[in-house]
Amino acid sequence: MADRLVSYAFGMLRDRQAAEDAVQQAFLELAGSAASFRGDGRALRAWMYRAVRFNCLDEVRRRTRRPEQPTADLPETAAADEIDISFDPELEEALGELNEQQRSIIVLKHVLGFSGDEIAVILDSNRAAVYASGARAERRLKKILAPVESTGAVTSQRVEA
């Protein structure tokens, strides 16, 4: 479950370390409220995705208030059990042009394979709103990626309606 949560957070933040931090924070929040948690496994999964989503939104707001200075001198470190959650660069750039809600829906649906009903629970929304927002996001992505696809530059991770 943690790998899927990191993939989801990475789709929202496009930063592996920040994604891992958002997931870790969600697990800490769960540990703090475990005694009072009521529900089954589906409710727990929805709660975790919602917690990760809110942690990601908090990170986006924090970045907006205090942009980070790049540190090109520091080497990248990779975890031994690192999973591949990278996106095609053009797709990653196109995802950045979507709003947070739309990006969440695209990642949950097309990267992690959740159904519309599951996404509605995770985003604390209704199915109709998820489908409408998802359809708008898919149309926008197709429009953004159309010039790239016509040149053949994007070969993987295409978003299909």
Protein backbone atom coordinates (compact mmCIF):
# COMPACT_ATOMS: atom_id res chain seq x y z
CA MET A 1 0.00 0.00 0.00
CA ALA A 2 2.84 2.39 0.78
CA ASP A 3 4.26 2.13 -2.75
CA ARG A 4 0.89 3.05 -4.25
CA LEU A 5 0.55 5.97 -1.84
CA VAL A 6 4.02 7.21 -2.83
CA SER A 7 3.10 6.89 -6.51
CA TYR A 8 -0.04 8.93 -5.88
CA ALA A 9 1.88 11.60 -3.95
CA PHE A 10 4.59 11.69 -6.60
CA GLY A 11 1.95 12.32 -9.24
CA MET A 12 0.77 15.34 -7.29
CA LEU A 13 4.14 16.72 -6.20
CA ARG A 14 6.56 15.46 -8.88
CA ASP A 15 9.22 15.15 -6.18
CA ARG A 16 10.07 11.71 -4.79
CA GLN A 17 11.37 12.91 -1.41
CA ALA A 18 8.36 15.16 -0.83
CA ALA A 19 6.06 12.29 -1.88
CA GLU A 20 7.68 9.93 0.63
CA ASP A 21 7.41 12.61 3.32
CA ALA A 22 3.69 13.09 2.62
CA VAL A 23 3.09 9.34 2.93
CA GLN A 24 5.18 9.07 6.08
CA GLN A 25 3.20 11.93 7.61
CA ALA A 26 -0.05 10.14 6.76
CA PHE A 27 1.16 6.97 8.52
CA LEU A 28 2.14 9.04 11.55
CA GLU A 29 -1.33 10.61 11.57
CA LEU A 30 -2.87 7.15 11.36
CA ALA A 31 -0.75 5.92 14.27
CA GLY A 32 -1.89 8.89 16.32
CA SER A 33 -5.57 8.26 15.66
CA ALA A 34 -5.61 4.46 15.34
CA ALA A 35 -7.38 3.94 18.65
CA SER A 36 -10.36 6.01 17.53
CA PHE A 37 -10.51 4.76 13.93
CA ARG A 38 -13.76 3.01 12.99
CA GLY A 39 -14.31 1.20 9.73
CA ASP A 40 -13.13 -1.61 7.51
CA GLY A 41 -10.16 -1.93 5.16
CA ARG A 42 -11.82 0.13 2.43
CA ALA A 43 -12.45 2.98 4.85
CA LEU A 44 -8.84 2.80 6.02
CA ARG A 45 -7.53 2.90 2.44
CA ALA A 46 -9.72 5.90 1.62
CA TRP A 47 -8.61 7.62 4.83
CA MET A 48 -4.94 7.07 3.94
CA TYR A 49 -5.31 8.44 0.40
CA ARG A 50 -7.21 11.43 1.73
CA ALA A 51 -4.50 12.07 4.34
CA VAL A 52 -1.77 11.84 1.69
CA ARG A 53 -3.76 14.19 -0.56
CA PHE A 54 -4.09 16.79 2.18
CA ASN A 55 -0.39 16.45 3.03
CA CYS A 56 0.46 17.01 -0.65
CA LEU A 57 -1.79 20.06 -0.83
CA ASP A 58 -0.09 21.42 2.31
CA GLU A 59 3.29 20.89 0.63
CA VAL A 60 2.14 22.70 -2.52
CA ARG A 61 0.95 25.62 -0.40
CA ARG A 62 4.23 25.64 1.54
CA ARG A 63 6.21 25.74 -1.69
CA THR A 64 4.13 28.64 -2.92
CA ARG A 65 4.83 30.62 0.26
CA ARG A 66 8.54 29.73 0.46
CA PRO A 67 10.02 28.46 -2.80
CA GLU A 68 13.07 26.28 -2.29
CA GLN A 69 16.47 27.18 -3.64
CA PRO A 70 17.89 24.39 -5.81
CA THR A 71 20.98 22.69 -4.46
CA ALA A 72 22.76 21.41 -7.56
CA ASP A 73 25.86 20.52 -5.55
CA LEU A 74 24.13 17.79 -3.55
CA PRO A 75 24.16 14.29 -5.04
CA GLU A 76 20.92 12.36 -5.59
CA THR A 77 20.52 9.39 -3.30
CA ALA A 78 18.35 6.43 -4.17
CA ALA A 79 16.68 4.03 -1.78
CA ALA A 80 17.61 0.37 -2.18
CA ASP A 81 14.00 -0.65 -2.68
CA GLU A 82 13.13 2.30 -4.92
CA ILE A 83 10.19 1.75 -7.22
CA ASP A 84 9.95 3.33 -10.64
CA ILE A 85 7.38 6.11 -10.37
CA SER A 86 8.78 8.42 -13.01
CA PHE A 87 6.63 9.77 -15.79
CA ASP A 88 7.47 10.68 -19.34
CA PRO A 89 8.89 14.25 -19.14
CA GLU A 90 6.27 15.66 -21.52
CA LEU A 91 3.47 13.97 -19.59
CA GLU A 92 4.92 15.21 -16.31
CA GLU A 93 4.98 18.76 -17.66
CA ALA A 94 1.41 18.41 -18.96
CA LEU A 95 0.24 17.09 -15.56
CA GLY A 96 1.74 20.21 -14.01
CA GLU A 97 -0.69 22.31 -16.05
CA LEU A 98 -3.71 20.63 -14.45
CA ASN A 99 -5.20 21.77 -11.17
CA GLU A 100 -4.62 19.62 -8.07
CA GLN A 101 -8.04 17.92 -8.26
CA GLN A 102 -7.61 16.96 -11.90
CA ARG A 103 -4.04 15.76 -11.36
CA SER A 104 -5.22 13.63 -8.43
CA ILE A 105 -7.94 12.04 -10.53
CA ILE A 106 -5.60 11.29 -13.44
CA VAL A 107 -2.97 9.69 -11.20
CA LEU A 108 -5.50 7.69 -9.19
CA LYS A 109 -7.30 6.46 -12.32
CA HIS A 110 -4.59 5.96 -14.92
CA VAL A 111 -1.49 5.29 -12.84
CA LEU A 112 -2.94 3.45 -9.84
CA GLY A 113 -6.02 1.98 -11.51
CA PHE A 114 -8.73 3.09 -9.07
CA SER A 115 -12.37 3.12 -10.17
CA GLY A 116 -14.48 6.28 -10.23
CA ASP A 117 -16.31 5.20 -7.08
CA GLU A 118 -13.04 4.61 -5.23
CA ILE A 119 -11.66 7.96 -6.36
CA ALA A 120 -14.83 9.70 -5.17
CA VAL A 121 -14.35 8.21 -1.69
CA ILE A 122 -10.64 9.11 -1.61
CA LEU A 123 -11.28 12.70 -2.71
CA ASP A 124 -14.37 13.03 -0.51
CA SER A 125 -16.45 13.89 -3.55
CA ASN A 126 -19.24 12.28 -5.55
CA ARG A 127 -18.89 10.00 -8.56
CA ALA A 128 -20.44 12.46 -11.02
CA ALA A 129 -18.01 15.21 -10.03
CA VAL A 130 -15.07 12.82 -10.33
CA TYR A 131 -16.13 11.70 -13.80
CA ALA A 132 -16.75 15.27 -14.99
CA SER A 133 -13.46 16.58 -13.63
CA GLY A 134 -11.61 13.53 -14.93
CA ALA A 135 -13.08 13.96 -18.41
CA ARG A 136 -12.05 17.64 -18.45
CA ALA A 137 -8.54 16.69 -17.30
CA GLU A 138 -8.23 14.00 -19.98
CA ARG A 139 -9.38 16.41 -22.71
CA ARG A 140 -6.92 19.02 -21.48
CA LEU A 141 -4.07 16.50 -21.40
CA LYS A 142 -4.89 15.35 -24.92
CA LYS A 143 -4.89 18.96 -26.12
CA ILE A 144 -1.57 19.69 -24.39
CA LEU A 145 0.04 16.46 -25.62
CA ALA A 146 -1.38 16.53 -29.17
CA PRO A 147 1.60 18.39 -30.70
CA VAL A 148 4.03 16.10 -28.87
CA GLU A 149 2.19 12.92 -29.90
CA SER A 150 2.09 13.98 -33.55
CA THR A 151 5.90 14.08 -33.54
CA GLY A 152 6.07 10.70 -31.82
CA ALA A 153 7.94 12.02 -28.79
CA VAL A 154 5.59 10.48 -26.24
CA THR A 155 5.64 6.71 -26.47
CA SER A 156 4.59 5.58 -23.01
CA GLN A 157 2.17 6.47 -20.23
CA ARG A 158 -0.40 7.90 -22.66
CA VAL A 159 -3.61 9.02 -21.03
CA GLU A 160 -6.62 7.50 -22.74
CA ALA A 161 -10.24 8.51 -22.32
